[in-house]
Amino acid sequence: MIRVTRLNGERFALNPDLVERVEGHPDTVVFLVDGTKYIVSESVDDVLVEIREYRASILATAYEMDRGTYRSPSRTEEVDGNAAVVPFPAREER
């Protein structure tokens, strides 16, 4: 999810996988694939950067999980001293 801001200052999270296009009239309008439109205070470039960083973070996390180096950012999800996320098996184990 990416965080964007409505014109009234309210922040909300938006699923970037549902974004069809982003247009900059005088205001930035985010169009979703289901036809929903959101007017946000961020510029078109800022929204695109957020989407790019979100997708890069998914790839980076998958890379870390694949190599067994992923550590959950939240320590409260630990169960019995073990991480709540199970790493992917090593390549040799697949």
N, C-alpha and C. Protein backbone atom coordinates (compact mmCIF):
# COMPACT_ATOMS: atom_id res chain seq x y z
N MET A 1 0.84 -1.18 0.00
CA MET A 1 0.00 0.00 0.00
C MET A 1 0.89 1.24 0.00
N ILE A 2 0.41 2.27 -0.67
CA ILE A 2 1.10 3.55 -0.65
C ILE A 2 0.21 4.54 0.10
N ARG A 3 0.83 5.54 0.70
CA ARG A 3 0.07 6.56 1.43
C ARG A 3 -0.01 7.81 0.57
N VAL A 4 -1.22 8.31 0.42
CA VAL A 4 -1.45 9.55 -0.31
C VAL A 4 -2.34 10.44 0.55
N THR A 5 -2.50 11.70 0.13
CA THR A 5 -3.22 12.69 0.92
C THR A 5 -4.35 13.30 0.10
N ARG A 6 -5.55 13.27 0.67
CA ARG A 6 -6.68 13.97 0.04
C ARG A 6 -6.44 15.47 0.14
N LEU A 7 -7.18 16.25 -0.64
CA LEU A 7 -7.00 17.70 -0.61
C LEU A 7 -7.34 18.30 0.75
N ASN A 8 -8.19 17.61 1.55
CA ASN A 8 -8.53 18.12 2.88
C ASN A 8 -7.49 17.76 3.94
N GLY A 9 -6.39 17.11 3.51
CA GLY A 9 -5.31 16.76 4.43
C GLY A 9 -5.39 15.36 5.00
N GLU A 10 -6.47 14.65 4.75
CA GLU A 10 -6.64 13.29 5.26
C GLU A 10 -5.72 12.34 4.51
N ARG A 11 -4.92 11.57 5.26
CA ARG A 11 -4.03 10.58 4.67
C ARG A 11 -4.75 9.24 4.58
N PHE A 12 -4.51 8.50 3.50
CA PHE A 12 -5.09 7.16 3.38
C PHE A 12 -4.16 6.29 2.57
N ALA A 13 -4.36 4.99 2.67
CA ALA A 13 -3.54 4.02 1.96
C ALA A 13 -4.28 3.55 0.71
N LEU A 14 -3.53 3.39 -0.35
CA LEU A 14 -4.09 3.03 -1.64
C LEU A 14 -3.32 1.83 -2.18
N ASN A 15 -4.03 0.85 -2.71
CA ASN A 15 -3.39 -0.32 -3.30
C ASN A 15 -2.87 0.05 -4.69
N PRO A 16 -1.56 0.14 -4.87
CA PRO A 16 -1.02 0.58 -6.16
C PRO A 16 -1.24 -0.42 -7.29
N ASP A 17 -1.56 -1.66 -6.95
CA ASP A 17 -1.83 -2.65 -7.99
C ASP A 17 -3.15 -2.37 -8.70
N LEU A 18 -4.00 -1.53 -8.10
CA LEU A 18 -5.28 -1.19 -8.70
C LEU A 18 -5.25 0.12 -9.47
N VAL A 19 -4.09 0.79 -9.50
CA VAL A 19 -3.98 2.07 -10.19
C VAL A 19 -3.90 1.82 -11.70
N GLU A 20 -4.82 2.43 -12.43
CA GLU A 20 -4.81 2.33 -13.89
C GLU A 20 -3.96 3.45 -14.48
N ARG A 21 -4.18 4.67 -13.98
CA ARG A 21 -3.40 5.81 -14.46
C ARG A 21 -3.45 6.93 -13.45
N VAL A 22 -2.50 7.86 -13.60
CA VAL A 22 -2.42 9.04 -12.75
C VAL A 22 -2.29 10.23 -13.68
N GLU A 23 -3.18 11.21 -13.51
CA GLU A 23 -3.16 12.39 -14.37
C GLU A 23 -3.00 13.64 -13.51
N GLY A 24 -2.32 14.62 -14.08
CA GLY A 24 -2.17 15.89 -13.39
C GLY A 24 -2.89 16.96 -14.17
N HIS A 25 -4.11 17.25 -13.75
CA HIS A 25 -4.85 18.38 -14.34
C HIS A 25 -4.28 19.58 -13.58
N PRO A 26 -5.03 20.45 -13.00
CA PRO A 26 -4.33 21.24 -11.98
C PRO A 26 -4.12 20.39 -10.74
N ASP A 27 -5.06 19.48 -10.45
CA ASP A 27 -4.90 18.57 -9.31
C ASP A 27 -4.51 17.20 -9.84
N THR A 28 -3.86 16.41 -8.98
CA THR A 28 -3.47 15.05 -9.36
C THR A 28 -4.67 14.13 -9.12
N VAL A 29 -5.04 13.38 -10.16
CA VAL A 29 -6.16 12.46 -10.07
C VAL A 29 -5.63 11.05 -10.30
N VAL A 30 -5.92 10.14 -9.35
CA VAL A 30 -5.53 8.74 -9.46
C VAL A 30 -6.78 7.96 -9.88
N PHE A 31 -6.70 7.27 -11.01
CA PHE A 31 -7.79 6.46 -11.52
C PHE A 31 -7.49 4.99 -11.23
N LEU A 32 -8.45 4.30 -10.62
CA LEU A 32 -8.30 2.88 -10.36
C LEU A 32 -8.96 2.08 -11.46
N VAL A 33 -8.63 0.80 -11.55
CA VAL A 33 -9.16 -0.05 -12.62
C VAL A 33 -10.68 -0.23 -12.52
N ASP A 34 -11.26 -0.04 -11.34
CA ASP A 34 -12.71 -0.19 -11.20
C ASP A 34 -13.47 1.11 -11.46
N GLY A 35 -12.76 2.17 -11.89
CA GLY A 35 -13.40 3.43 -12.20
C GLY A 35 -13.38 4.45 -11.08
N THR A 36 -12.94 4.05 -9.89
CA THR A 36 -12.85 4.98 -8.77
C THR A 36 -11.77 6.02 -9.05
N LYS A 37 -12.05 7.27 -8.66
CA LYS A 37 -11.09 8.35 -8.83
C LYS A 37 -10.79 8.98 -7.47
N TYR A 38 -9.54 9.29 -7.25
CA TYR A 38 -9.12 10.00 -6.04
C TYR A 38 -8.33 11.23 -6.46
N ILE A 39 -8.67 12.36 -5.88
CA ILE A 39 -7.89 13.58 -6.08
C ILE A 39 -6.96 13.69 -4.89
N VAL A 40 -5.66 13.76 -5.17
CA VAL A 40 -4.67 13.78 -4.10
C VAL A 40 -3.79 15.02 -4.21
N SER A 41 -3.16 15.38 -3.10
CA SER A 41 -2.33 16.59 -3.08
C SER A 41 -0.93 16.33 -3.62
N GLU A 42 -0.48 15.07 -3.66
CA GLU A 42 0.85 14.76 -4.20
C GLU A 42 0.87 15.01 -5.70
N SER A 43 2.05 15.28 -6.22
CA SER A 43 2.20 15.46 -7.67
C SER A 43 2.18 14.09 -8.35
N VAL A 44 2.00 14.10 -9.67
CA VAL A 44 2.03 12.85 -10.43
C VAL A 44 3.36 12.14 -10.20
N ASP A 45 4.46 12.89 -10.27
CA ASP A 45 5.78 12.29 -10.06
C ASP A 45 5.92 11.67 -8.67
N ASP A 46 5.38 12.34 -7.64
CA ASP A 46 5.44 11.80 -6.29
C ASP A 46 4.68 10.48 -6.17
N VAL A 47 3.50 10.41 -6.79
CA VAL A 47 2.70 9.18 -6.76
C VAL A 47 3.45 8.06 -7.48
N LEU A 48 4.05 8.37 -8.62
CA LEU A 48 4.80 7.37 -9.36
C LEU A 48 6.01 6.87 -8.58
N VAL A 49 6.68 7.77 -7.87
CA VAL A 49 7.81 7.37 -7.04
C VAL A 49 7.34 6.44 -5.93
N GLU A 50 6.22 6.76 -5.29
CA GLU A 50 5.67 5.89 -4.23
C GLU A 50 5.36 4.50 -4.78
N ILE A 51 4.75 4.43 -5.95
CA ILE A 51 4.41 3.13 -6.56
C ILE A 51 5.69 2.36 -6.87
N ARG A 52 6.68 3.04 -7.43
CA ARG A 52 7.95 2.39 -7.77
C ARG A 52 8.63 1.86 -6.52
N GLU A 53 8.67 2.65 -5.45
CA GLU A 53 9.30 2.22 -4.21
C GLU A 53 8.55 1.06 -3.56
N TYR A 54 7.22 1.08 -3.64
CA TYR A 54 6.41 -0.01 -3.11
C TYR A 54 6.76 -1.32 -3.82
N ARG A 55 6.79 -1.27 -5.14
CA ARG A 55 7.08 -2.49 -5.91
C ARG A 55 8.52 -2.95 -5.69
N ALA A 56 9.45 -2.02 -5.59
CA ALA A 56 10.84 -2.38 -5.31
C ALA A 56 10.97 -3.04 -3.94
N SER A 57 10.19 -2.56 -2.97
CA SER A 57 10.26 -3.15 -1.62
C SER A 57 9.75 -4.58 -1.62
N ILE A 58 8.75 -4.86 -2.44
CA ILE A 58 8.25 -6.24 -2.54
C ILE A 58 9.33 -7.15 -3.12
N LEU A 59 10.00 -6.69 -4.18
CA LEU A 59 11.07 -7.48 -4.78
C LEU A 59 12.23 -7.67 -3.81
N ALA A 60 12.58 -6.62 -3.07
CA ALA A 60 13.67 -6.72 -2.11
C ALA A 60 13.34 -7.70 -0.99
N THR A 61 12.10 -7.65 -0.52
CA THR A 61 11.68 -8.57 0.54
C THR A 61 11.68 -10.01 0.04
N ALA A 62 11.20 -10.23 -1.18
CA ALA A 62 11.21 -11.58 -1.76
C ALA A 62 12.64 -12.08 -1.91
N TYR A 63 13.56 -11.20 -2.32
CA TYR A 63 14.97 -11.56 -2.45
C TYR A 63 15.53 -11.98 -1.09
N GLU A 64 15.24 -11.19 -0.05
CA GLU A 64 15.73 -11.53 1.30
C GLU A 64 15.13 -12.84 1.79
N MET A 65 13.86 -13.06 1.53
CA MET A 65 13.21 -14.30 1.96
C MET A 65 13.82 -15.50 1.24
N ASP A 66 14.10 -15.33 -0.04
CA ASP A 66 14.67 -16.42 -0.83
C ASP A 66 16.04 -16.82 -0.30
N ARG A 67 16.80 -15.88 0.22
CA ARG A 67 18.13 -16.16 0.73
C ARG A 67 18.14 -16.44 2.23
N GLY A 68 16.99 -16.37 2.87
CA GLY A 68 16.90 -16.66 4.30
C GLY A 68 17.41 -15.55 5.18
N THR A 69 17.52 -14.32 4.64
CA THR A 69 18.04 -13.20 5.44
C THR A 69 16.95 -12.24 5.86
N TYR A 70 15.69 -12.53 5.55
CA TYR A 70 14.59 -11.63 5.87
C TYR A 70 14.33 -11.61 7.37
N ARG A 71 14.19 -10.42 7.92
CA ARG A 71 13.81 -10.25 9.32
C ARG A 71 12.60 -9.34 9.35
N SER A 72 11.55 -9.76 10.01
CA SER A 72 10.33 -8.98 10.10
C SER A 72 10.61 -7.65 10.79
N PRO A 73 10.06 -6.55 10.25
CA PRO A 73 10.28 -5.25 10.90
C PRO A 73 9.60 -5.15 12.25
N SER A 74 8.63 -6.01 12.53
CA SER A 74 7.90 -5.96 13.80
C SER A 74 8.35 -7.12 14.68
N ARG A 75 8.90 -6.80 15.82
CA ARG A 75 9.35 -7.83 16.76
C ARG A 75 8.18 -8.39 17.56
N THR A 76 7.00 -7.76 17.51
CA THR A 76 5.86 -8.23 18.29
C THR A 76 5.22 -9.47 17.68
N GLU A 77 5.58 -9.80 16.45
CA GLU A 77 4.98 -10.96 15.78
C GLU A 77 5.74 -12.24 16.04
N GLU A 78 6.76 -12.19 16.90
CA GLU A 78 7.53 -13.39 17.17
C GLU A 78 6.74 -14.34 18.05
N VAL A 79 6.86 -15.60 17.75
CA VAL A 79 6.16 -16.64 18.50
C VAL A 79 7.22 -17.61 19.03
N ASP A 80 7.25 -17.83 20.34
CA ASP A 80 8.20 -18.74 20.98
C ASP A 80 9.64 -18.42 20.57
N GLY A 81 9.96 -17.14 20.39
CA GLY A 81 11.32 -16.77 20.06
C GLY A 81 11.68 -16.96 18.59
N ASN A 82 10.77 -17.49 17.80
CA ASN A 82 11.04 -17.69 16.37
C ASN A 82 10.32 -16.63 15.56
N ALA A 83 10.87 -16.28 14.41
CA ALA A 83 10.23 -15.29 13.55
C ALA A 83 8.90 -15.84 13.04
N ALA A 84 7.92 -14.94 12.88
CA ALA A 84 6.60 -15.35 12.41
C ALA A 84 6.60 -15.66 10.92
N VAL A 85 7.60 -15.17 10.19
CA VAL A 85 7.69 -15.42 8.76
C VAL A 85 8.68 -16.53 8.53
N VAL A 86 8.25 -17.54 7.81
CA VAL A 86 9.12 -18.68 7.52
C VAL A 86 9.85 -18.38 6.21
N PRO A 87 11.20 -18.42 6.20
CA PRO A 87 11.92 -18.13 4.96
C PRO A 87 11.71 -19.24 3.93
N PHE A 88 11.87 -18.86 2.67
CA PHE A 88 11.79 -19.84 1.60
C PHE A 88 12.88 -20.87 1.82
N PRO A 89 12.67 -22.11 1.35
CA PRO A 89 13.75 -23.10 1.46
C PRO A 89 14.93 -22.66 0.58
N ALA A 90 16.12 -23.08 0.98
CA ALA A 90 17.31 -22.77 0.18
C ALA A 90 17.16 -23.39 -1.20
N ARG A 91 17.85 -22.84 -2.16
CA ARG A 91 17.76 -23.34 -3.54
C ARG A 91 18.08 -24.83 -3.62
N GLU A 92 19.02 -25.28 -2.79
CA GLU A 92 19.39 -26.69 -2.82
C GLU A 92 18.26 -27.59 -2.30
N GLU A 93 17.37 -27.04 -1.46
CA GLU A 93 16.30 -27.82 -0.87
C GLU A 93 15.08 -27.91 -1.77
N ARG A 94 15.03 -27.11 -2.82
CA ARG A 94 13.84 -27.10 -3.69
C ARG A 94 13.84 -28.23 -4.67
